Amino acid sequence: MTIATLKSLFGYKAWANAELFALLESVPAEHAGPLHSCIRTLNHVYVTDRIFRAHLSGGPRPFDATNTQDTPGLQQLRADVRATDAWYLDYVSTLAEPVLAEVLDFRFTDGDRGRMSREEMLLHIVTHGGYHRGNVGEALKFISIDAPRDLYTKFLHQSEPSRRGA
């Protein structure tokens, strides 16, 4: 995978997160239960993103589990996710392609050992977030709210309108 592709994928991830958080802010108060479930799911994604950020940067793991006991407010989580998405965009922008193959050893939150290349970790973050945004979209269907169209193709054509040419 190229650095350019990773930059595009992390741009897509940040775009999709922003679209979904904007929609969640408009969920009516009578759907507090389903909204809470959506926030819990997105908090899990955030926590996982931060754990892998620590693995990639060599820092201490910021969480001991893949979710927090307390559920953050939607506004706080949105700000935290935005900052973490910005970190990943900056991180992939500064990498040299040979570094992607570097294999890192780490521990999962359950104590098991793990070993992945930087590229594998980055791909995990992109696919993991997409999977769980899909979970949130399904939860929204049950309260008759259409989730944003979380499509890479949509992102590419919105961010690069010239692709609509030809």
N, C-alpha and C. Protein backbone atom coordinates (compact mmCIF):
# COMPACT_ATOMS: atom_id res chain seq x y z
N MET A 1 0.85 -1.17 0.00
CA MET A 1 0.00 0.00 0.00
C MET A 1 0.90 1.24 0.00
N THR A 2 0.45 2.26 -0.67
CA THR A 2 1.25 3.49 -0.72
C THR A 2 0.83 4.46 0.38
N ILE A 3 1.71 5.40 0.66
CA ILE A 3 1.40 6.46 1.63
C ILE A 3 0.22 7.27 1.11
N ALA A 4 0.18 7.52 -0.20
CA ALA A 4 -0.93 8.29 -0.77
C ALA A 4 -2.26 7.59 -0.52
N THR A 5 -2.29 6.27 -0.65
CA THR A 5 -3.52 5.53 -0.41
C THR A 5 -3.90 5.60 1.07
N LEU A 6 -2.93 5.46 1.94
CA LEU A 6 -3.23 5.56 3.37
C LEU A 6 -3.75 6.95 3.72
N LYS A 7 -3.17 7.99 3.16
CA LYS A 7 -3.66 9.35 3.41
C LYS A 7 -5.11 9.47 2.94
N SER A 8 -5.42 8.90 1.80
CA SER A 8 -6.78 8.94 1.30
C SER A 8 -7.73 8.18 2.22
N LEU A 9 -7.32 7.00 2.68
CA LEU A 9 -8.17 6.20 3.57
C LEU A 9 -8.41 6.90 4.91
N PHE A 10 -7.39 7.54 5.44
CA PHE A 10 -7.58 8.24 6.72
C PHE A 10 -8.35 9.53 6.53
N GLY A 11 -8.24 10.15 5.36
CA GLY A 11 -9.10 11.28 5.04
C GLY A 11 -10.55 10.85 4.98
N TYR A 12 -10.78 9.70 4.36
CA TYR A 12 -12.12 9.12 4.29
C TYR A 12 -12.66 8.82 5.69
N LYS A 13 -11.82 8.23 6.53
CA LYS A 13 -12.25 7.89 7.89
C LYS A 13 -12.67 9.14 8.65
N ALA A 14 -11.87 10.21 8.56
CA ALA A 14 -12.20 11.46 9.25
C ALA A 14 -13.49 12.05 8.70
N TRP A 15 -13.66 12.02 7.39
CA TRP A 15 -14.88 12.53 6.73
C TRP A 15 -16.10 11.74 7.20
N ALA A 16 -16.01 10.41 7.17
CA ALA A 16 -17.14 9.56 7.56
C ALA A 16 -17.50 9.78 9.03
N ASN A 17 -16.49 9.90 9.88
CA ASN A 17 -16.76 10.16 11.30
C ASN A 17 -17.48 11.50 11.48
N ALA A 18 -17.01 12.53 10.79
CA ALA A 18 -17.63 13.86 10.91
C ALA A 18 -19.09 13.82 10.46
N GLU A 19 -19.37 13.14 9.36
CA GLU A 19 -20.75 13.02 8.86
C GLU A 19 -21.64 12.32 9.89
N LEU A 20 -21.12 11.24 10.46
CA LEU A 20 -21.92 10.46 11.41
C LEU A 20 -22.16 11.24 12.70
N PHE A 21 -21.14 11.90 13.22
CA PHE A 21 -21.34 12.68 14.44
C PHE A 21 -22.32 13.83 14.21
N ALA A 22 -22.26 14.46 13.06
CA ALA A 22 -23.21 15.54 12.75
C ALA A 22 -24.64 15.01 12.77
N LEU A 23 -24.85 13.83 12.22
CA LEU A 23 -26.19 13.24 12.24
C LEU A 23 -26.61 12.90 13.68
N LEU A 24 -25.71 12.31 14.44
CA LEU A 24 -26.06 11.90 15.81
C LEU A 24 -26.47 13.10 16.66
N GLU A 25 -25.91 14.26 16.39
CA GLU A 25 -26.29 15.45 17.14
C GLU A 25 -27.74 15.85 16.90
N SER A 26 -28.33 15.36 15.82
CA SER A 26 -29.72 15.71 15.50
C SER A 26 -30.73 14.65 15.94
N VAL A 27 -30.26 13.59 16.59
CA VAL A 27 -31.18 12.53 17.03
C VAL A 27 -32.08 13.09 18.13
N PRO A 28 -33.40 12.96 17.96
CA PRO A 28 -34.34 13.50 18.96
C PRO A 28 -34.14 12.88 20.35
N ALA A 29 -34.45 13.65 21.37
CA ALA A 29 -34.26 13.23 22.77
C ALA A 29 -35.01 11.95 23.12
N GLU A 30 -36.13 11.69 22.43
CA GLU A 30 -36.87 10.47 22.77
C GLU A 30 -36.13 9.19 22.39
N HIS A 31 -35.03 9.32 21.68
CA HIS A 31 -34.23 8.15 21.29
C HIS A 31 -32.93 8.09 22.09
N ALA A 32 -32.98 8.51 23.34
CA ALA A 32 -31.79 8.56 24.18
C ALA A 32 -31.13 7.18 24.34
N GLY A 33 -31.91 6.13 24.45
CA GLY A 33 -31.36 4.78 24.62
C GLY A 33 -30.55 4.34 23.41
N PRO A 34 -31.15 4.37 22.22
CA PRO A 34 -30.37 4.00 21.03
C PRO A 34 -29.18 4.92 20.80
N LEU A 35 -29.34 6.21 21.09
CA LEU A 35 -28.23 7.14 20.92
C LEU A 35 -27.08 6.75 21.86
N HIS A 36 -27.41 6.39 23.07
CA HIS A 36 -26.38 5.96 24.03
C HIS A 36 -25.63 4.74 23.48
N SER A 37 -26.35 3.80 22.90
CA SER A 37 -25.70 2.62 22.32
C SER A 37 -24.76 3.02 21.18
N CYS A 38 -25.19 3.97 20.37
CA CYS A 38 -24.34 4.46 19.28
C CYS A 38 -23.07 5.10 19.83
N ILE A 39 -23.22 5.90 20.87
CA ILE A 39 -22.07 6.56 21.47
C ILE A 39 -21.12 5.53 22.07
N ARG A 40 -21.66 4.51 22.72
CA ARG A 40 -20.81 3.45 23.29
C ARG A 40 -20.00 2.77 22.18
N THR A 41 -20.65 2.49 21.06
CA THR A 41 -19.96 1.84 19.95
C THR A 41 -18.85 2.74 19.41
N LEU A 42 -19.15 4.02 19.21
CA LEU A 42 -18.15 4.94 18.68
C LEU A 42 -17.04 5.21 19.70
N ASN A 43 -17.36 5.14 20.98
CA ASN A 43 -16.33 5.28 22.00
C ASN A 43 -15.36 4.09 21.94
N HIS A 44 -15.89 2.91 21.69
CA HIS A 44 -15.04 1.73 21.52
C HIS A 44 -14.06 1.94 20.35
N VAL A 45 -14.56 2.50 19.25
CA VAL A 45 -13.69 2.77 18.10
C VAL A 45 -12.61 3.77 18.51
N TYR A 46 -13.01 4.82 19.18
CA TYR A 46 -12.06 5.84 19.64
C TYR A 46 -10.98 5.23 20.54
N VAL A 47 -11.40 4.43 21.51
CA VAL A 47 -10.45 3.82 22.44
C VAL A 47 -9.47 2.92 21.68
N THR A 48 -9.99 2.15 20.75
CA THR A 48 -9.13 1.27 19.95
C THR A 48 -8.16 2.10 19.10
N ASP A 49 -8.66 3.18 18.51
CA ASP A 49 -7.78 4.06 17.74
C ASP A 49 -6.65 4.59 18.62
N ARG A 50 -6.97 4.97 19.84
CA ARG A 50 -5.95 5.51 20.75
C ARG A 50 -4.96 4.44 21.20
N ILE A 51 -5.45 3.22 21.40
CA ILE A 51 -4.55 2.13 21.79
C ILE A 51 -3.54 1.86 20.67
N PHE A 52 -4.04 1.78 19.44
CA PHE A 52 -3.13 1.52 18.33
C PHE A 52 -2.23 2.72 18.04
N ARG A 53 -2.70 3.91 18.33
CA ARG A 53 -1.85 5.09 18.22
C ARG A 53 -0.65 4.93 19.15
N ALA A 54 -0.90 4.45 20.35
CA ALA A 54 0.20 4.22 21.31
C ALA A 54 1.15 3.15 20.79
N HIS A 55 0.61 2.08 20.21
CA HIS A 55 1.48 1.04 19.65
C HIS A 55 2.37 1.63 18.56
N LEU A 56 1.78 2.44 17.69
CA LEU A 56 2.52 3.01 16.56
C LEU A 56 3.56 4.03 16.99
N SER A 57 3.26 4.78 18.04
CA SER A 57 4.16 5.84 18.47
C SER A 57 5.13 5.40 19.57
N GLY A 58 4.93 4.20 20.10
CA GLY A 58 5.80 3.71 21.17
C GLY A 58 5.47 4.27 22.54
N GLY A 59 4.30 4.88 22.65
CA GLY A 59 3.90 5.45 23.93
C GLY A 59 3.16 4.43 24.80
N PRO A 60 2.85 4.82 26.03
CA PRO A 60 2.10 3.91 26.91
C PRO A 60 0.66 3.77 26.43
N ARG A 61 0.12 2.59 26.64
CA ARG A 61 -1.27 2.34 26.25
C ARG A 61 -2.19 3.18 27.14
N PRO A 62 -3.06 4.01 26.54
CA PRO A 62 -3.87 4.93 27.34
C PRO A 62 -5.09 4.30 27.99
N PHE A 63 -5.45 3.09 27.60
CA PHE A 63 -6.62 2.42 28.16
C PHE A 63 -6.28 0.96 28.43
N ASP A 64 -6.92 0.39 29.45
CA ASP A 64 -6.68 -1.01 29.80
C ASP A 64 -7.78 -1.94 29.28
N ALA A 65 -8.74 -1.37 28.58
CA ALA A 65 -9.84 -2.14 28.01
C ALA A 65 -10.21 -1.47 26.69
N THR A 66 -11.06 -2.12 25.91
CA THR A 66 -11.42 -1.58 24.60
C THR A 66 -12.64 -0.67 24.65
N ASN A 67 -13.08 -0.32 25.83
CA ASN A 67 -14.08 0.72 26.02
C ASN A 67 -13.90 1.26 27.44
N THR A 68 -14.52 2.37 27.71
CA THR A 68 -14.42 2.97 29.03
C THR A 68 -15.66 2.61 29.85
N GLN A 69 -15.52 2.63 31.17
CA GLN A 69 -16.69 2.36 32.01
C GLN A 69 -17.74 3.44 31.84
N ASP A 70 -17.30 4.68 31.88
CA ASP A 70 -18.23 5.80 31.72
C ASP A 70 -18.36 6.14 30.25
N THR A 71 -19.53 6.55 29.86
CA THR A 71 -19.78 6.95 28.48
C THR A 71 -19.59 8.45 28.36
N PRO A 72 -18.72 8.88 27.45
CA PRO A 72 -18.53 10.32 27.29
C PRO A 72 -19.77 10.95 26.64
N GLY A 73 -19.90 12.26 26.79
CA GLY A 73 -20.94 12.97 26.07
C GLY A 73 -20.62 13.00 24.59
N LEU A 74 -21.64 13.18 23.78
CA LEU A 74 -21.47 13.17 22.34
C LEU A 74 -20.49 14.25 21.88
N GLN A 75 -20.61 15.46 22.44
CA GLN A 75 -19.72 16.56 22.04
C GLN A 75 -18.26 16.25 22.38
N GLN A 76 -18.03 15.72 23.58
CA GLN A 76 -16.66 15.39 23.99
C GLN A 76 -16.09 14.30 23.09
N LEU A 77 -16.88 13.27 22.84
CA LEU A 77 -16.40 12.17 22.00
C LEU A 77 -16.11 12.68 20.59
N ARG A 78 -16.98 13.52 20.07
CA ARG A 78 -16.76 14.06 18.73
C ARG A 78 -15.43 14.82 18.68
N ALA A 79 -15.14 15.63 19.68
CA ALA A 79 -13.88 16.37 19.73
C ALA A 79 -12.68 15.43 19.84
N ASP A 80 -12.81 14.41 20.68
CA ASP A 80 -11.73 13.45 20.85
C ASP A 80 -11.46 12.67 19.55
N VAL A 81 -12.53 12.27 18.89
CA VAL A 81 -12.40 11.53 17.63
C VAL A 81 -11.77 12.44 16.57
N ARG A 82 -12.21 13.68 16.50
CA ARG A 82 -11.65 14.62 15.52
C ARG A 82 -10.14 14.77 15.75
N ALA A 83 -9.73 14.92 16.99
CA ALA A 83 -8.30 15.08 17.30
C ALA A 83 -7.52 13.81 16.95
N THR A 84 -8.09 12.67 17.22
CA THR A 84 -7.41 11.41 16.91
C THR A 84 -7.35 11.19 15.39
N ASP A 85 -8.42 11.52 14.69
CA ASP A 85 -8.38 11.43 13.23
C ASP A 85 -7.30 12.34 12.67
N ALA A 86 -7.16 13.54 13.23
CA ALA A 86 -6.11 14.47 12.78
C ALA A 86 -4.73 13.90 13.06
N TRP A 87 -4.57 13.23 14.19
CA TRP A 87 -3.28 12.62 14.51
C TRP A 87 -2.93 11.58 13.46
N TYR A 88 -3.88 10.70 13.13
CA TYR A 88 -3.61 9.65 12.13
C TYR A 88 -3.30 10.26 10.76
N LEU A 89 -4.02 11.29 10.37
CA LEU A 89 -3.73 11.94 9.08
C LEU A 89 -2.32 12.51 9.08
N ASP A 90 -1.93 13.14 10.16
CA ASP A 90 -0.57 13.67 10.26
C ASP A 90 0.45 12.54 10.27
N TYR A 91 0.16 11.50 11.01
CA TYR A 91 1.09 10.36 11.13
C TYR A 91 1.36 9.73 9.77
N VAL A 92 0.31 9.42 9.02
CA VAL A 92 0.54 8.76 7.72
C VAL A 92 1.21 9.72 6.74
N SER A 93 1.01 11.01 6.92
CA SER A 93 1.65 12.00 6.03
C SER A 93 3.15 12.10 6.26
N THR A 94 3.61 11.69 7.44
CA THR A 94 5.03 11.81 7.75
C THR A 94 5.79 10.50 7.58
N LEU A 95 5.10 9.42 7.27
CA LEU A 95 5.77 8.13 7.13
C LEU A 95 6.50 8.00 5.80
N ALA A 96 7.57 7.23 5.81
CA ALA A 96 8.22 6.81 4.58
C ALA A 96 7.76 5.37 4.31
N GLU A 97 7.54 5.04 3.07
CA GLU A 97 6.97 3.72 2.75
C GLU A 97 7.73 2.54 3.35
N PRO A 98 9.07 2.55 3.40
CA PRO A 98 9.76 1.40 4.01
C PRO A 98 9.37 1.16 5.47
N VAL A 99 8.97 2.22 6.18
CA VAL A 99 8.60 2.10 7.58
C VAL A 99 7.30 1.30 7.75
N LEU A 100 6.46 1.29 6.72
CA LEU A 100 5.20 0.55 6.81
C LEU A 100 5.40 -0.94 7.09
N ALA A 101 6.50 -1.49 6.61
CA ALA A 101 6.76 -2.92 6.79
C ALA A 101 7.33 -3.25 8.17
N GLU A 102 7.71 -2.25 8.93
CA GLU A 102 8.29 -2.50 10.25
C GLU A 102 7.27 -3.22 11.13
N VAL A 103 7.70 -4.30 11.75
CA VAL A 103 6.84 -5.11 12.60
C VAL A 103 7.04 -4.69 14.05
N LEU A 104 5.93 -4.47 14.74
CA LEU A 104 5.96 -4.03 16.14
C LEU A 104 5.33 -5.09 17.04
N ASP A 105 5.92 -5.30 18.16
CA ASP A 105 5.37 -6.19 19.18
C ASP A 105 4.60 -5.34 20.19
N PHE A 106 3.49 -5.88 20.68
CA PHE A 106 2.67 -5.14 21.65
C PHE A 106 1.83 -6.15 22.43
N ARG A 107 1.09 -5.64 23.38
CA ARG A 107 0.14 -6.47 24.13
C ARG A 107 -1.26 -5.94 23.91
N PHE A 108 -2.18 -6.87 23.67
CA PHE A 108 -3.59 -6.51 23.60
C PHE A 108 -4.08 -6.22 25.02
N THR A 109 -5.25 -5.63 25.13
CA THR A 109 -5.77 -5.28 26.46
C THR A 109 -6.06 -6.52 27.31
N ASP A 110 -6.25 -7.68 26.68
CA ASP A 110 -6.48 -8.91 27.46
C ASP A 110 -5.18 -9.56 27.91
N GLY A 111 -4.04 -8.94 27.58
CA GLY A 111 -2.74 -9.45 28.00
C GLY A 111 -2.04 -10.30 26.95
N ASP A 112 -2.76 -10.75 25.93
CA ASP A 112 -2.13 -11.55 24.88
C ASP A 112 -1.14 -10.71 24.10
N ARG A 113 -0.10 -11.38 23.63
CA ARG A 113 0.89 -10.69 22.82
C ARG A 113 0.39 -10.54 21.39
N GLY A 114 0.82 -9.44 20.77
CA GLY A 114 0.47 -9.20 19.38
C GLY A 114 1.69 -8.76 18.61
N ARG A 115 1.63 -8.96 17.31
CA ARG A 115 2.72 -8.56 16.42
C ARG A 115 2.11 -8.22 15.08
N MET A 116 2.28 -6.98 14.66
CA MET A 116 1.73 -6.52 13.38
C MET A 116 2.69 -5.50 12.78
N SER A 117 2.63 -5.40 11.47
CA SER A 117 3.39 -4.33 10.83
C SER A 117 2.63 -3.02 11.02
N ARG A 118 3.34 -1.92 10.83
CA ARG A 118 2.68 -0.62 10.91
C ARG A 118 1.53 -0.55 9.89
N GLU A 119 1.78 -1.06 8.71
CA GLU A 119 0.74 -1.05 7.67
C GLU A 119 -0.48 -1.85 8.11
N GLU A 120 -0.28 -3.01 8.69
CA GLU A 120 -1.39 -3.82 9.18
C GLU A 120 -2.17 -3.10 10.27
N MET A 121 -1.45 -2.44 11.17
CA MET A 121 -2.13 -1.68 12.23
C MET A 121 -2.98 -0.57 11.63
N LEU A 122 -2.44 0.15 10.67
CA LEU A 122 -3.18 1.25 10.05
C LEU A 122 -4.40 0.72 9.31
N LEU A 123 -4.25 -0.38 8.61
CA LEU A 123 -5.41 -0.96 7.92
C LEU A 123 -6.46 -1.46 8.91
N HIS A 124 -6.00 -1.98 10.04
CA HIS A 124 -6.95 -2.40 11.08
C HIS A 124 -7.77 -1.20 11.55
N ILE A 125 -7.13 -0.08 11.78
CA ILE A 125 -7.83 1.11 12.27
C ILE A 125 -8.89 1.54 11.25
N VAL A 126 -8.55 1.56 9.98
CA VAL A 126 -9.51 1.98 8.95
C VAL A 126 -10.69 1.00 8.88
N THR A 127 -10.41 -0.30 8.81
CA THR A 127 -11.49 -1.27 8.64
C THR A 127 -12.32 -1.42 9.92
N HIS A 128 -11.68 -1.35 11.07
CA HIS A 128 -12.39 -1.46 12.35
C HIS A 128 -13.41 -0.32 12.48
N GLY A 129 -12.99 0.90 12.16
CA GLY A 129 -13.90 2.04 12.24
C GLY A 129 -15.07 1.89 11.28
N GLY A 130 -14.80 1.43 10.06
CA GLY A 130 -15.88 1.24 9.09
C GLY A 130 -16.89 0.21 9.54
N TYR A 131 -16.39 -0.88 10.10
CA TYR A 131 -17.26 -1.94 10.60
C TYR A 131 -18.22 -1.39 11.65
N HIS A 132 -17.69 -0.63 12.60
CA HIS A 132 -18.54 -0.13 13.68
C HIS A 132 -19.41 1.05 13.28
N ARG A 133 -18.98 1.85 12.30
CA ARG A 133 -19.91 2.86 11.78
C ARG A 133 -21.11 2.15 11.16
N GLY A 134 -20.87 1.01 10.54
CA GLY A 134 -21.98 0.21 10.01
C GLY A 134 -22.91 -0.27 11.11
N ASN A 135 -22.34 -0.68 12.25
CA ASN A 135 -23.17 -1.07 13.40
C ASN A 135 -24.06 0.08 13.84
N VAL A 136 -23.49 1.28 13.89
CA VAL A 136 -24.26 2.45 14.29
C VAL A 136 -25.36 2.72 13.27
N GLY A 137 -25.04 2.58 12.00
CA GLY A 137 -26.05 2.77 10.96
C GLY A 137 -27.22 1.81 11.11
N GLU A 138 -26.93 0.58 11.45
CA GLU A 138 -27.99 -0.40 11.67
C GLU A 138 -28.84 -0.03 12.89
N ALA A 139 -28.21 0.44 13.95
CA ALA A 139 -28.96 0.87 15.14
C ALA A 139 -29.88 2.04 14.81
N LEU A 140 -29.41 2.94 13.97
CA LEU A 140 -30.23 4.09 13.58
C LEU A 140 -31.44 3.68 12.76
N LYS A 141 -31.31 2.62 11.98
CA LYS A 141 -32.45 2.14 11.19
C LYS A 141 -33.64 1.79 12.09
N PHE A 142 -33.35 1.25 13.27
CA PHE A 142 -34.41 0.84 14.18
C PHE A 142 -35.21 2.02 14.73
N ILE A 143 -34.66 3.22 14.63
CA ILE A 143 -35.40 4.41 15.07
C ILE A 143 -35.73 5.29 13.86
N SER A 144 -35.75 4.65 12.69
CA SER A 144 -36.15 5.28 11.43
C SER A 144 -35.31 6.51 11.05
N ILE A 145 -34.01 6.41 11.30
CA ILE A 145 -33.08 7.46 10.89
C ILE A 145 -32.10 6.84 9.90
N ASP A 146 -31.96 7.47 8.75
CA ASP A 146 -31.02 6.99 7.75
C ASP A 146 -29.62 7.50 8.07
N ALA A 147 -28.68 6.57 8.16
CA ALA A 147 -27.29 6.95 8.40
C ALA A 147 -26.71 7.58 7.14
N PRO A 148 -25.68 8.38 7.29
CA PRO A 148 -25.02 8.93 6.11
C PRO A 148 -24.50 7.79 5.22
N ARG A 149 -24.41 8.05 3.94
CA ARG A 149 -23.86 7.04 3.02
C ARG A 149 -22.35 7.04 3.19
N ASP A 150 -21.88 6.11 3.98
CA ASP A 150 -20.47 5.98 4.38
C ASP A 150 -19.74 5.21 3.29
N LEU A 151 -19.51 5.85 2.16
CA LEU A 151 -18.90 5.18 1.02
C LEU A 151 -17.59 5.85 0.65
N TYR A 152 -16.57 5.06 0.43
CA TYR A 152 -15.28 5.60 -0.01
C TYR A 152 -15.42 6.30 -1.35
N THR A 153 -16.23 5.74 -2.23
CA THR A 153 -16.44 6.37 -3.53
C THR A 153 -17.07 7.75 -3.39
N LYS A 154 -18.01 7.89 -2.48
CA LYS A 154 -18.64 9.20 -2.25
C LYS A 154 -17.60 10.20 -1.74
N PHE A 155 -16.78 9.76 -0.80
CA PHE A 155 -15.73 10.63 -0.27
C PHE A 155 -14.79 11.08 -1.39
N LEU A 156 -14.34 10.14 -2.21
CA LEU A 156 -13.40 10.48 -3.28
C LEU A 156 -14.00 11.51 -4.24
N HIS A 157 -15.26 11.32 -4.59
CA HIS A 157 -15.88 12.23 -5.55
C HIS A 157 -16.25 13.57 -4.93
N GLN A 158 -16.50 13.60 -3.64
CA GLN A 158 -16.74 14.89 -2.99
C GLN A 158 -15.43 15.64 -2.74
N SER A 159 -14.40 14.93 -2.38
CA SER A 159 -13.13 15.59 -2.08
C SER A 159 -12.33 15.92 -3.34
N GLU A 160 -12.63 15.22 -4.42
CA GLU A 160 -11.95 15.47 -5.69
C GLU A 160 -13.00 15.50 -6.80
N PRO A 161 -13.72 16.61 -6.92
CA PRO A 161 -14.82 16.68 -7.90
C PRO A 161 -14.39 16.42 -9.34
N SER A 162 -13.12 16.60 -9.64
CA SER A 162 -12.65 16.36 -11.01
C SER A 162 -12.80 14.89 -11.41
N ARG A 163 -12.95 14.00 -10.43
CA ARG A 163 -13.15 12.58 -10.74
C ARG A 163 -14.48 12.34 -11.45
N ARG A 164 -15.39 13.30 -11.35
CA ARG A 164 -16.69 13.17 -12.03
C ARG A 164 -16.60 13.49 -13.52
N GLY A 165 -15.43 14.02 -13.95
CA GLY A 165 -15.22 14.33 -15.36
C GLY A 165 -15.29 13.07 -16.19
N ALA A 166 -14.67 13.05 -17.29
CA ALA A 166 -14.57 11.85 -18.16
C ALA A 166 -15.82 11.02 -18.06
